[in-house]
Amino acid sequence: MIIYKILRANEWAILRDNGISMGAPIDIDDGYIHFSTAQTLEETANKHFSGESDLMLLAYNDADFPKTLIYEKSRDDLLFPHLYDKLKLDDALWIKPLPLINNTHLFPEDII
């Protein structure tokens, strides 16, 4: 399954420049990298990135993390992928800007 990570400009710069990252401050505090599925991505953007521009959307294949990715229940009892490892740029399938148009994030059509 394809899973997604939204990064702010400064978080993206760390990953881009170093090839690895411990994630956003919430990831560091929680001890794992928070990912979203296609089902939860829009709600994640609305809840945690409302009104924010200069975001990047990264796609990963969950099968690439057989031992370090765990699906765990979170809001609304939905399963969210949590990576108990560093985020690696080389593992990304693709990276795209996540534009903010009229205060709404515009996702690639093939996701939502």
PDB file of N, CA and C in Angstrom:
ATOM      1  N   MET A   1       0.847  -1.167   0.000  1.00  0.00           N
ATOM      2  CA  MET A   1       0.000   0.000   0.000  1.00  0.00           C
ATOM      3  C   MET A   1       0.901   1.242   0.000  1.00  0.00           C
ATOM      4  N   ILE A   2       0.450   2.273  -0.686  1.00  0.00           N
ATOM      5  CA  ILE A   2       1.167   3.544  -0.696  1.00  0.00           C
ATOM      6  C   ILE A   2       0.722   4.348   0.523  1.00  0.00           C
ATOM      7  N   ILE A   3       1.707   4.889   1.249  1.00  0.00           N
ATOM      8  CA  ILE A   3       1.442   5.732   2.408  1.00  0.00           C
ATOM      9  C   ILE A   3       2.095   7.088   2.175  1.00  0.00           C
ATOM     10  N   TYR A   4       1.655   8.094   2.933  1.00  0.00           N
ATOM     11  CA  TYR A   4       2.039   9.474   2.627  1.00  0.00           C
ATOM     12  C   TYR A   4       2.539  10.213   3.859  1.00  0.00           C
ATOM     13  N   LYS A   5       3.479  11.107   3.602  1.00  0.00           N
ATOM     14  CA  LYS A   5       4.027  11.971   4.640  1.00  0.00           C
ATOM     15  C   LYS A   5       3.982  13.407   4.139  1.00  0.00           C
ATOM     16  N   ILE A   6       3.446  14.300   4.949  1.00  0.00           N
ATOM     17  CA  ILE A   6       3.428  15.729   4.638  1.00  0.00           C
ATOM     18  C   ILE A   6       4.536  16.386   5.450  1.00  0.00           C
ATOM     19  N   LEU A   7       5.352  17.183   4.779  1.00  0.00           N
ATOM     20  CA  LEU A   7       6.432  17.896   5.458  1.00  0.00           C
ATOM     21  C   LEU A   7       6.329  19.391   5.191  1.00  0.00           C
ATOM     22  N   ARG A   8       6.602  20.169   6.225  1.00  0.00           N
ATOM     23  CA  ARG A   8       6.723  21.624   6.073  1.00  0.00           C
ATOM     24  C   ARG A   8       8.060  21.922   5.389  1.00  0.00           C
ATOM     25  N   ALA A   9       8.200  23.140   4.886  1.00  0.00           N
ATOM     26  CA  ALA A   9       9.394  23.510   4.118  1.00  0.00           C
ATOM     27  C   ALA A   9      10.681  23.240   4.883  1.00  0.00           C
ATOM     28  N   ASN A  10      10.737  23.619   6.154  1.00  0.00           N
ATOM     29  CA  ASN A  10      11.962  23.404   6.922  1.00  0.00           C
ATOM     30  C   ASN A  10      12.224  21.923   7.179  1.00  0.00           C
ATOM     31  N   GLU A  11      11.164  21.129   7.375  1.00  0.00           N
ATOM     32  CA  GLU A  11      11.312  19.680   7.572  1.00  0.00           C
ATOM     33  C   GLU A  11      11.758  19.014   6.278  1.00  0.00           C
ATOM     34  N   TRP A  12      11.187  19.456   5.163  1.00  0.00           N
ATOM     35  CA  TRP A  12      11.580  18.956   3.856  1.00  0.00           C
ATOM     36  C   TRP A  12      13.046  19.287   3.573  1.00  0.00           C
ATOM     37  N   ALA A  13      13.488  20.487   3.918  1.00  0.00           N
ATOM     38  CA  ALA A  13      14.875  20.905   3.679  1.00  0.00           C
ATOM     39  C   ALA A  13      15.853  19.989   4.414  1.00  0.00           C
ATOM     40  N   ILE A  14      15.520  19.600   5.634  1.00  0.00           N
ATOM     41  CA  ILE A  14      16.399  18.691   6.384  1.00  0.00           C
ATOM     42  C   ILE A  14      16.506  17.347   5.676  1.00  0.00           C
ATOM     43  N   LEU A  15      15.370  16.793   5.260  1.00  0.00           N
ATOM     44  CA  LEU A  15      15.373  15.509   4.569  1.00  0.00           C
ATOM     45  C   LEU A  15      16.096  15.620   3.233  1.00  0.00           C
ATOM     46  N   ARG A  16      15.792  16.651   2.479  1.00  0.00           N
ATOM     47  CA  ARG A  16      16.410  16.856   1.164  1.00  0.00           C
ATOM     48  C   ARG A  16      17.928  17.013   1.286  1.00  0.00           C
ATOM     49  N   ASP A  17      18.372  17.791   2.246  1.00  0.00           N
ATOM     50  CA  ASP A  17      19.800  18.093   2.364  1.00  0.00           C
ATOM     51  C   ASP A  17      20.609  16.972   3.001  1.00  0.00           C
ATOM     52  N   ASN A  18      19.976  16.178   3.871  1.00  0.00           N
ATOM     53  CA  ASN A  18      20.704  15.132   4.603  1.00  0.00           C
ATOM     54  C   ASN A  18      20.394  13.713   4.139  1.00  0.00           C
ATOM     55  N   GLY A  19      19.288  13.563   3.407  1.00  0.00           N
ATOM     56  CA  GLY A  19      18.897  12.231   2.960  1.00  0.00           C
ATOM     57  C   GLY A  19      18.160  11.427   4.010  1.00  0.00           C
ATOM     58  N   ILE A  20      18.188  11.875   5.256  1.00  0.00           N
ATOM     59  CA  ILE A  20      17.460  11.228   6.344  1.00  0.00           C
ATOM     60  C   ILE A  20      16.920  12.303   7.278  1.00  0.00           C
ATOM     61  N   SER A  21      15.910  11.928   8.047  1.00  0.00           N
ATOM     62  CA  SER A  21      15.303  12.867   8.982  1.00  0.00           C
ATOM     63  C   SER A  21      14.641  12.081  10.102  1.00  0.00           C
ATOM     64  N   MET A  22      14.569  12.702  11.253  1.00  0.00           N
ATOM     65  CA  MET A  22      13.824  12.133  12.374  1.00  0.00           C
ATOM     66  C   MET A  22      12.360  12.557  12.305  1.00  0.00           C
ATOM     67  N   GLY A  23      12.010  13.367  11.283  1.00  0.00           N
ATOM     68  CA  GLY A  23      10.635  13.782  11.074  1.00  0.00           C
ATOM     69  C   GLY A  23      10.330  15.138  11.676  1.00  0.00           C
ATOM     70  N   ALA A  24       9.062  15.423  11.761  1.00  0.00           N
ATOM     71  CA  ALA A  24       8.561  16.675  12.321  1.00  0.00           C
ATOM     72  C   ALA A  24       8.684  16.637  13.849  1.00  0.00           C
ATOM     73  N   PRO A  25       8.537  17.774  14.504  1.00  0.00           N
ATOM     74  CA  PRO A  25       8.601  17.771  15.968  1.00  0.00           C
ATOM     75  C   PRO A  25       7.661  16.757  16.621  1.00  0.00           C
ATOM     76  N   ILE A  26       6.445  16.589  16.094  1.00  0.00           N
ATOM     77  CA  ILE A  26       5.514  15.605  16.664  1.00  0.00           C
ATOM     78  C   ILE A  26       6.051  14.183  16.521  1.00  0.00           C
ATOM     79  N   ASP A  27       6.734  13.905  15.400  1.00  0.00           N
ATOM     80  CA  ASP A  27       7.331  12.582  15.198  1.00  0.00           C
ATOM     81  C   ASP A  27       8.425  12.333  16.234  1.00  0.00           C
ATOM     82  N   ILE A  28       9.257  13.331  16.429  1.00  0.00           N
ATOM     83  CA  ILE A  28      10.352  13.214  17.394  1.00  0.00           C
ATOM     84  C   ILE A  28       9.791  13.016  18.800  1.00  0.00           C
ATOM     85  N   ASP A  29       8.788  13.804  19.158  1.00  0.00           N
ATOM     86  CA  ASP A  29       8.173  13.680  20.484  1.00  0.00           C
ATOM     87  C   ASP A  29       7.532  12.312  20.699  1.00  0.00           C
ATOM     88  N   ASP A  30       6.870  11.786  19.663  1.00  0.00           N
ATOM     89  CA  ASP A  30       6.160  10.508  19.788  1.00  0.00           C
ATOM     90  C   ASP A  30       7.059   9.292  19.599  1.00  0.00           C
ATOM     91  N   GLY A  31       8.243   9.491  19.019  1.00  0.00           N
ATOM     92  CA  GLY A  31       9.182   8.384  18.845  1.00  0.00           C
ATOM     93  C   GLY A  31       8.971   7.568  17.591  1.00  0.00           C
ATOM     94  N   TYR A  32       8.192   8.076  16.660  1.00  0.00           N
ATOM     95  CA  TYR A  32       7.983   7.407  15.373  1.00  0.00           C
ATOM     96  C   TYR A  32       7.527   8.429  14.350  1.00  0.00           C
ATOM     97  N   ILE A  33       7.669   8.067  13.070  1.00  0.00           N
ATOM     98  CA  ILE A  33       7.246   8.925  11.970  1.00  0.00           C
ATOM     99  C   ILE A  33       5.774   8.643  11.683  1.00  0.00           C
ATOM    100  N   HIS A  34       4.951   9.682  11.733  1.00  0.00           N
ATOM    101  CA  HIS A  34       3.530   9.569  11.425  1.00  0.00           C
ATOM    102  C   HIS A  34       3.337   9.590   9.911  1.00  0.00           C
ATOM    103  N   PHE A  35       2.688   8.582   9.382  1.00  0.00           N
ATOM    104  CA  PHE A  35       2.274   8.548   7.987  1.00  0.00           C
ATOM    105  C   PHE A  35       0.752   8.549   7.927  1.00  0.00           C
ATOM    106  N   SER A  36       0.230   8.805   6.736  1.00  0.00           N
ATOM    107  CA  SER A  36      -1.207   8.706   6.481  1.00  0.00           C
ATOM    108  C   SER A  36      -1.440   7.762   5.315  1.00  0.00           C
ATOM    109  N   THR A  37      -2.617   7.171   5.305  1.00  0.00           N
ATOM    110  CA  THR A  37      -3.060   6.406   4.143  1.00  0.00           C
ATOM    111  C   THR A  37      -3.839   7.358   3.236  1.00  0.00           C
ATOM    112  N   ALA A  38      -4.192   6.906   2.066  1.00  0.00           N
ATOM    113  CA  ALA A  38      -5.015   7.730   1.176  1.00  0.00           C
ATOM    114  C   ALA A  38      -6.332   8.079   1.861  1.00  0.00           C
ATOM    115  N   GLN A  39      -6.851   7.164   2.669  1.00  0.00           N
ATOM    116  CA  GLN A  39      -8.120   7.361   3.367  1.00  0.00           C
ATOM    117  C   GLN A  39      -8.035   8.469   4.414  1.00  0.00           C
ATOM    118  N   THR A  40      -6.878   8.638   5.037  1.00  0.00           N
ATOM    119  CA  THR A  40      -6.753   9.584   6.147  1.00  0.00           C
ATOM    120  C   THR A  40      -5.966  10.843   5.792  1.00  0.00           C
ATOM    121  N   LEU A  41      -5.435  10.920   4.601  1.00  0.00           N
ATOM    122  CA  LEU A  41      -4.528  12.002   4.225  1.00  0.00           C
ATOM    123  C   LEU A  41      -5.180  13.381   4.273  1.00  0.00           C
ATOM    124  N   GLU A  42      -6.352  13.510   3.712  1.00  0.00           N
ATOM    125  CA  GLU A  42      -7.013  14.813   3.686  1.00  0.00           C
ATOM    126  C   GLU A  42      -7.338  15.301   5.099  1.00  0.00           C
ATOM    127  N   GLU A  43      -7.818  14.408   5.949  1.00  0.00           N
ATOM    128  CA  GLU A  43      -8.119  14.781   7.325  1.00  0.00           C
ATOM    129  C   GLU A  43      -6.840  15.172   8.076  1.00  0.00           C
ATOM    130  N   THR A  44      -5.750  14.455   7.828  1.00  0.00           N
ATOM    131  CA  THR A  44      -4.471  14.802   8.443  1.00  0.00           C
ATOM    132  C   THR A  44      -4.049  16.209   8.039  1.00  0.00           C
ATOM    133  N   ALA A  45      -4.165  16.516   6.757  1.00  0.00           N
ATOM    134  CA  ALA A  45      -3.799  17.854   6.280  1.00  0.00           C
ATOM    135  C   ALA A  45      -4.668  18.920   6.930  1.00  0.00           C
ATOM    136  N   ASN A  46      -5.958  18.670   7.020  1.00  0.00           N
ATOM    137  CA  ASN A  46      -6.864  19.642   7.618  1.00  0.00           C
ATOM    138  C   ASN A  46      -6.610  19.822   9.109  1.00  0.00           C
ATOM    139  N   LYS A  47      -6.298  18.747   9.789  1.00  0.00           N
ATOM    140  CA  LYS A  47      -6.116  18.800  11.243  1.00  0.00           C
ATOM    141  C   LYS A  47      -4.764  19.398  11.633  1.00  0.00           C
ATOM    142  N   HIS A  48      -3.701  19.000  10.933  1.00  0.00           N
ATOM    143  CA  HIS A  48      -2.351  19.376  11.362  1.00  0.00           C
ATOM    144  C   HIS A  48      -1.687  20.449  10.499  1.00  0.00           C
ATOM    145  N   PHE A  49      -2.230  20.731   9.316  1.00  0.00           N
ATOM    146  CA  PHE A  49      -1.579  21.658   8.392  1.00  0.00           C
ATOM    147  C   PHE A  49      -2.553  22.695   7.830  1.00  0.00           C
ATOM    148  N   SER A  50      -3.629  22.936   8.531  1.00  0.00           N
ATOM    149  CA  SER A  50      -4.654  23.858   8.059  1.00  0.00           C
ATOM    150  C   SER A  50      -4.070  25.240   7.759  1.00  0.00           C
ATOM    151  N   GLY A  51      -4.323  25.718   6.540  1.00  0.00           N
ATOM    152  CA  GLY A  51      -3.873  27.043   6.132  1.00  0.00           C
ATOM    153  C   GLY A  51      -2.390  27.159   5.834  1.00  0.00           C
ATOM    154  N   GLU A  52      -1.644  26.067   5.961  1.00  0.00           N
ATOM    155  CA  GLU A  52      -0.199  26.114   5.725  1.00  0.00           C
ATOM    156  C   GLU A  52       0.115  25.886   4.249  1.00  0.00           C
ATOM    157  N   SER A  53       1.014  26.695   3.746  1.00  0.00           N
ATOM    158  CA  SER A  53       1.494  26.526   2.382  1.00  0.00           C
ATOM    159  C   SER A  53       2.942  26.038   2.446  1.00  0.00           C
ATOM    160  N   ASP A  54       3.577  25.913   1.298  1.00  0.00           N
ATOM    161  CA  ASP A  54       4.966  25.436   1.207  1.00  0.00           C
ATOM    162  C   ASP A  54       5.131  24.043   1.805  1.00  0.00           C
ATOM    163  N   LEU A  55       4.155  23.189   1.562  1.00  0.00           N
ATOM    164  CA  LEU A  55       4.220  21.808   2.027  1.00  0.00           C
ATOM    165  C   LEU A  55       4.673  20.891   0.898  1.00  0.00           C
ATOM    166  N   MET A  56       5.302  19.788   1.291  1.00  0.00           N
ATOM    167  CA  MET A  56       5.678  18.749   0.339  1.00  0.00           C
ATOM    168  C   MET A  56       4.966  17.464   0.738  1.00  0.00           C
ATOM    169  N   LEU A  57       4.528  16.721  -0.269  1.00  0.00           N
ATOM    170  CA  LEU A  57       3.867  15.442  -0.065  1.00  0.00           C
ATOM    171  C   LEU A  57       4.781  14.351  -0.597  1.00  0.00           C
ATOM    172  N   LEU A  58       5.099  13.400   0.248  1.00  0.00           N
ATOM    173  CA  LEU A  58       5.978  12.296  -0.121  1.00  0.00           C
ATOM    174  C   LEU A  58       5.196  10.998  -0.073  1.00  0.00           C
ATOM    175  N   ALA A  59       5.418  10.138  -1.043  1.00  0.00           N
ATOM    176  CA  ALA A  59       4.757   8.836  -1.100  1.00  0.00           C
ATOM    177  C   ALA A  59       5.789   7.735  -0.875  1.00  0.00           C
ATOM    178  N   TYR A  60       5.401   6.745  -0.093  1.00  0.00           N
ATOM    179  CA  TYR A  60       6.259   5.606   0.227  1.00  0.00           C
ATOM    180  C   TYR A  60       5.452   4.321   0.063  1.00  0.00           C
ATOM    181  N   ASN A  61       6.136   3.231  -0.171  1.00  0.00           N
ATOM    182  CA  ASN A  61       5.500   1.917  -0.236  1.00  0.00           C
ATOM    183  C   ASN A  61       5.664   1.269   1.132  1.00  0.00           C
ATOM    184  N   ASP A  62       4.570   0.935   1.776  1.00  0.00           N
ATOM    185  CA  ASP A  62       4.673   0.356   3.117  1.00  0.00           C
ATOM    186  C   ASP A  62       5.420  -0.974   3.127  1.00  0.00           C
ATOM    187  N   ALA A  63       5.445  -1.691   2.013  1.00  0.00           N
ATOM    188  CA  ALA A  63       6.155  -2.969   1.932  1.00  0.00           C
ATOM    189  C   ALA A  63       7.671  -2.795   2.056  1.00  0.00           C
ATOM    190  N   ASP A  64       8.158  -1.571   1.873  1.00  0.00           N
ATOM    191  CA  ASP A  64       9.594  -1.314   2.003  1.00  0.00           C
ATOM    192  C   ASP A  64      10.044  -1.258   3.461  1.00  0.00           C
ATOM    193  N   PHE A  65       9.096  -1.312   4.402  1.00  0.00           N
ATOM    194  CA  PHE A  65       9.413  -1.230   5.834  1.00  0.00           C
ATOM    195  C   PHE A  65       8.837  -2.427   6.589  1.00  0.00           C
ATOM    196  N   PRO A  66       9.222  -3.650   6.211  1.00  0.00           N
ATOM    197  CA  PRO A  66       8.549  -4.819   6.796  1.00  0.00           C
ATOM    198  C   PRO A  66       8.714  -4.975   8.305  1.00  0.00           C
ATOM    199  N   LYS A  67       9.783  -4.452   8.868  1.00  0.00           N
ATOM    200  CA  LYS A  67      10.022  -4.657  10.302  1.00  0.00           C
ATOM    201  C   LYS A  67       9.861  -3.390  11.132  1.00  0.00           C
ATOM    202  N   THR A  68       9.809  -2.230  10.490  1.00  0.00           N
ATOM    203  CA  THR A  68       9.812  -0.979  11.253  1.00  0.00           C
ATOM    204  C   THR A  68       8.523  -0.171  11.115  1.00  0.00           C
ATOM    205  N   LEU A  69       7.575  -0.648  10.320  1.00  0.00           N
ATOM    206  CA  LEU A  69       6.304   0.058  10.129  1.00  0.00           C
ATOM    207  C   LEU A  69       5.188  -0.751  10.775  1.00  0.00           C
ATOM    208  N   ILE A  70       4.440  -0.086  11.652  1.00  0.00           N
ATOM    209  CA  ILE A  70       3.341  -0.740  12.354  1.00  0.00           C
ATOM    210  C   ILE A  70       2.082   0.098  12.155  1.00  0.00           C
ATOM    211  N   TYR A  71       0.996  -0.559  11.795  1.00  0.00           N
ATOM    212  CA  TYR A  71      -0.305   0.116  11.710  1.00  0.00           C
ATOM    213  C   TYR A  71      -0.928   0.087  13.101  1.00  0.00           C
ATOM    214  N   GLU A  72      -1.219   1.290  13.616  1.00  0.00           N
ATOM    215  CA  GLU A  72      -1.764   1.393  14.964  1.00  0.00           C
ATOM    216  C   GLU A  72      -3.015   2.260  14.958  1.00  0.00           C
ATOM    217  N   LYS A  73      -3.938   1.939  15.855  1.00  0.00           N
ATOM    218  CA  LYS A  73      -5.173   2.709  15.943  1.00  0.00           C
ATOM    219  C   LYS A  73      -4.884   4.111  16.452  1.00  0.00           C
ATOM    220  N   SER A  74      -5.568   5.059  15.852  1.00  0.00           N
ATOM    221  CA  SER A  74      -5.456   6.448  16.266  1.00  0.00           C
ATOM    222  C   SER A  74      -6.851   7.047  16.204  1.00  0.00           C
ATOM    223  N   ARG A  75      -6.961   8.273  15.714  1.00  0.00           N
ATOM    224  CA  ARG A  75      -8.261   8.948  15.749  1.00  0.00           C
ATOM    225  C   ARG A  75      -9.333   8.142  15.003  1.00  0.00           C
ATOM    226  N   ASP A  76     -10.510   8.165  15.566  1.00  0.00           N
ATOM    227  CA  ASP A  76     -11.674   7.446  15.025  1.00  0.00           C
ATOM    228  C   ASP A  76     -11.422   5.952  14.860  1.00  0.00           C
ATOM    229  N   ASP A  77     -10.507   5.415  15.642  1.00  0.00           N
ATOM    230  CA  ASP A  77     -10.154   3.985  15.594  1.00  0.00           C
ATOM    231  C   ASP A  77      -9.618   3.538  14.237  1.00  0.00           C
ATOM    232  N   LEU A  78      -9.177   4.473  13.412  1.00  0.00           N
ATOM    233  CA  LEU A  78      -8.574   4.120  12.124  1.00  0.00           C
ATOM    234  C   LEU A  78      -7.123   3.707  12.334  1.00  0.00           C
ATOM    235  N   LEU A  79      -6.638   2.854  11.456  1.00  0.00           N
ATOM    236  CA  LEU A  79      -5.246   2.420  11.522  1.00  0.00           C
ATOM    237  C   LEU A  79      -4.357   3.415  10.776  1.00  0.00           C
ATOM    238  N   PHE A  80      -3.306   3.845  11.446  1.00  0.00           N
ATOM    239  CA  PHE A  80      -2.336   4.766  10.860  1.00  0.00           C
ATOM    240  C   PHE A  80      -0.979   4.098  10.839  1.00  0.00           C
ATOM    241  N   PRO A  81      -0.239   4.261   9.738  1.00  0.00           N
ATOM    242  CA  PRO A  81       1.106   3.688   9.673  1.00  0.00           C
ATOM    243  C   PRO A  81       2.101   4.548  10.448  1.00  0.00           C
ATOM    244  N   HIS A  82       2.841   3.887  11.338  1.00  0.00           N
ATOM    245  CA  HIS A  82       3.857   4.555  12.145  1.00  0.00           C
ATOM    246  C   HIS A  82       5.199   3.874  11.876  1.00  0.00           C
ATOM    247  N   LEU A  83       6.171   4.669  11.455  1.00  0.00           N
ATOM    248  CA  LEU A  83       7.504   4.159  11.136  1.00  0.00           C
ATOM    249  C   LEU A  83       8.407   4.351  12.339  1.00  0.00           C
ATOM    250  N   TYR A  84       8.890   3.254  12.885  1.00  0.00           N
ATOM    251  CA  TYR A  84       9.811   3.289  14.013  1.00  0.00           C
ATOM    252  C   TYR A  84      11.244   3.223  13.484  1.00  0.00           C
ATOM    253  N   ASP A  85      11.588   4.235  12.737  1.00  0.00           N
ATOM    254  CA  ASP A  85      12.900   4.340  12.097  1.00  0.00           C
ATOM    255  C   ASP A  85      13.024   5.765  11.579  1.00  0.00           C
ATOM    256  N   LYS A  86      14.166   6.093  11.024  1.00  0.00           N
ATOM    257  CA  LYS A  86      14.356   7.397  10.405  1.00  0.00           C
ATOM    258  C   LYS A  86      13.648   7.429   9.053  1.00  0.00           C
ATOM    259  N   LEU A  87      13.239   8.608   8.650  1.00  0.00           N
ATOM    260  CA  LEU A  87      12.659   8.819   7.331  1.00  0.00           C
ATOM    261  C   LEU A  87      13.803   8.980   6.337  1.00  0.00           C
ATOM    262  N   LYS A  88      13.783   8.207   5.264  1.00  0.00           N
ATOM    263  CA  LYS A  88      14.869   8.234   4.287  1.00  0.00           C
ATOM    264  C   LYS A  88      14.358   8.738   2.937  1.00  0.00           C
ATOM    265  N   LEU A  89      15.064   9.703   2.402  1.00  0.00           N
ATOM    266  CA  LEU A  89      14.704  10.286   1.116  1.00  0.00           C
ATOM    267  C   LEU A  89      14.732   9.239   0.009  1.00  0.00           C
ATOM    268  N   ASP A  90      15.736   8.381   0.014  1.00  0.00           N
ATOM    269  CA  ASP A  90      15.881   7.380  -1.047  1.00  0.00           C
ATOM    270  C   ASP A  90      14.736   6.378  -1.094  1.00  0.00           C
ATOM    271  N   ASP A  91      14.002   6.239  -0.006  1.00  0.00           N
ATOM    272  CA  ASP A  91      12.875   5.302   0.016  1.00  0.00           C
ATOM    273  C   ASP A  91      11.606   5.878  -0.619  1.00  0.00           C
ATOM    274  N   ALA A  92      11.571   7.183  -0.841  1.00  0.00           N
ATOM    275  CA  ALA A  92      10.362   7.822  -1.389  1.00  0.00           C
ATOM    276  C   ALA A  92      10.103   7.366  -2.820  1.00  0.00           C
ATOM    277  N   LEU A  93       8.851   7.069  -3.115  1.00  0.00           N
ATOM    278  CA  LEU A  93       8.444   6.732  -4.478  1.00  0.00           C
ATOM    279  C   LEU A  93       8.367   7.983  -5.333  1.00  0.00           C
ATOM    280  N   TRP A  94       7.818   9.038  -4.737  1.00  0.00           N
ATOM    281  CA  TRP A  94       7.747  10.340  -5.397  1.00  0.00           C
ATOM    282  C   TRP A  94       7.568  11.430  -4.356  1.00  0.00           C
ATOM    283  N   ILE A  95       7.860  12.645  -4.791  1.00  0.00           N
ATOM    284  CA  ILE A  95       7.767  13.829  -3.941  1.00  0.00           C
ATOM    285  C   ILE A  95       7.125  14.928  -4.776  1.00  0.00           C
ATOM    286  N   LYS A  96       6.053  15.515  -4.243  1.00  0.00           N
ATOM    287  CA  LYS A  96       5.345  16.561  -4.974  1.00  0.00           C
ATOM    288  C   LYS A  96       4.977  17.698  -4.028  1.00  0.00           C
ATOM    289  N   PRO A  97       4.924  18.917  -4.558  1.00  0.00           N
ATOM    290  CA  PRO A  97       4.398  20.014  -3.732  1.00  0.00           C
ATOM    291  C   PRO A  97       2.930  19.758  -3.396  1.00  0.00           C
ATOM    292  N   LEU A  98       2.512  20.251  -2.244  1.00  0.00           N
ATOM    293  CA  LEU A  98       1.114  20.164  -1.833  1.00  0.00           C
ATOM    294  C   LEU A  98       0.595  21.597  -1.742  1.00  0.00           C
ATOM    295  N   PRO A  99       0.113  22.130  -2.867  1.00  0.00           N
ATOM    296  CA  PRO A  99      -0.281  23.543  -2.893  1.00  0.00           C
ATOM    297  C   PRO A  99      -1.536  23.824  -2.068  1.00  0.00           C
ATOM    298  N   LEU A 100      -1.605  25.062  -1.619  1.00  0.00           N
ATOM    299  CA  LEU A 100      -2.766  25.557  -0.895  1.00  0.00           C
ATOM    300  C   LEU A 100      -3.491  26.536  -1.817  1.00  0.00           C
ATOM    301  N   ILE A 101      -4.708  26.176  -2.250  1.00  0.00           N
ATOM    302  CA  ILE A 101      -5.506  26.986  -3.149  1.00  0.00           C
ATOM    303  C   ILE A 101      -6.805  27.354  -2.438  1.00  0.00           C
ATOM    304  N   ASN A 102      -7.051  28.650  -2.285  1.00  0.00           N
ATOM    305  CA  ASN A 102      -8.262  29.107  -1.582  1.00  0.00           C
ATOM    306  C   ASN A 102      -8.420  28.432  -0.220  1.00  0.00           C
ATOM    307  N   ASN A 103      -7.307  28.341   0.503  1.00  0.00           N
ATOM    308  CA  ASN A 103      -7.243  27.764   1.846  1.00  0.00           C
ATOM    309  C   ASN A 103      -7.575  26.269   1.881  1.00  0.00           C
ATOM    310  N   THR A 104      -7.422  25.583   0.753  1.00  0.00           N
ATOM    311  CA  THR A 104      -7.638  24.138   0.674  1.00  0.00           C
ATOM    312  C   THR A 104      -6.422  23.499   0.012  1.00  0.00           C
ATOM    313  N   HIS A 105      -5.940  22.406   0.594  1.00  0.00           N
ATOM    314  CA  HIS A 105      -4.803  21.706  -0.003  1.00  0.00           C
ATOM    315  C   HIS A 105      -5.276  20.940  -1.243  1.00  0.00           C
ATOM    316  N   LEU A 106      -4.513  21.063  -2.303  1.00  0.00           N
ATOM    317  CA  LEU A 106      -4.844  20.416  -3.573  1.00  0.00           C
ATOM    318  C   LEU A 106      -3.986  19.166  -3.722  1.00  0.00           C
ATOM    319  N   PHE A 107      -4.611  18.011  -3.532  1.00  0.00           N
ATOM    320  CA  PHE A 107      -3.918  16.729  -3.607  1.00  0.00           C
ATOM    321  C   PHE A 107      -3.885  16.225  -5.040  1.00  0.00           C
ATOM    322  N   PRO A 108      -2.880  15.424  -5.378  1.00  0.00           N
ATOM    323  CA  PRO A 108      -2.879  14.789  -6.701  1.00  0.00           C
ATOM    324  C   PRO A 108      -4.166  13.991  -6.893  1.00  0.00           C
ATOM    325  N   GLU A 109      -4.712  14.033  -8.080  1.00  0.00           N
ATOM    326  CA  GLU A 109      -6.007  13.415  -8.359  1.00  0.00           C
ATOM    327  C   GLU A 109      -6.039  11.914  -8.101  1.00  0.00           C
ATOM    328  N   ASP A 110      -4.915  11.246  -8.256  1.00  0.00           N
ATOM    329  CA  ASP A 110      -4.919   9.788  -8.104  1.00  0.00           C
ATOM    330  C   ASP A 110      -4.881   9.334  -6.644  1.00  0.00           C
ATOM    331  N   ILE A 111      -4.862  10.268  -5.690  1.00  0.00           N
ATOM    332  CA  ILE A 111      -4.851   9.902  -4.274  1.00  0.00           C
ATOM    333  C   ILE A 111      -6.241   9.988  -3.670  1.00  0.00           C
ATOM    334  N   ILE A 112      -6.870  11.137  -3.837  1.00  0.00           N
ATOM    335  CA  ILE A 112      -8.152  11.385  -3.158  1.00  0.00           C
ATOM    336  C   ILE A 112      -9.251  11.573  -4.195  1.00  0.00           C
TER     337      ILE A 112
END
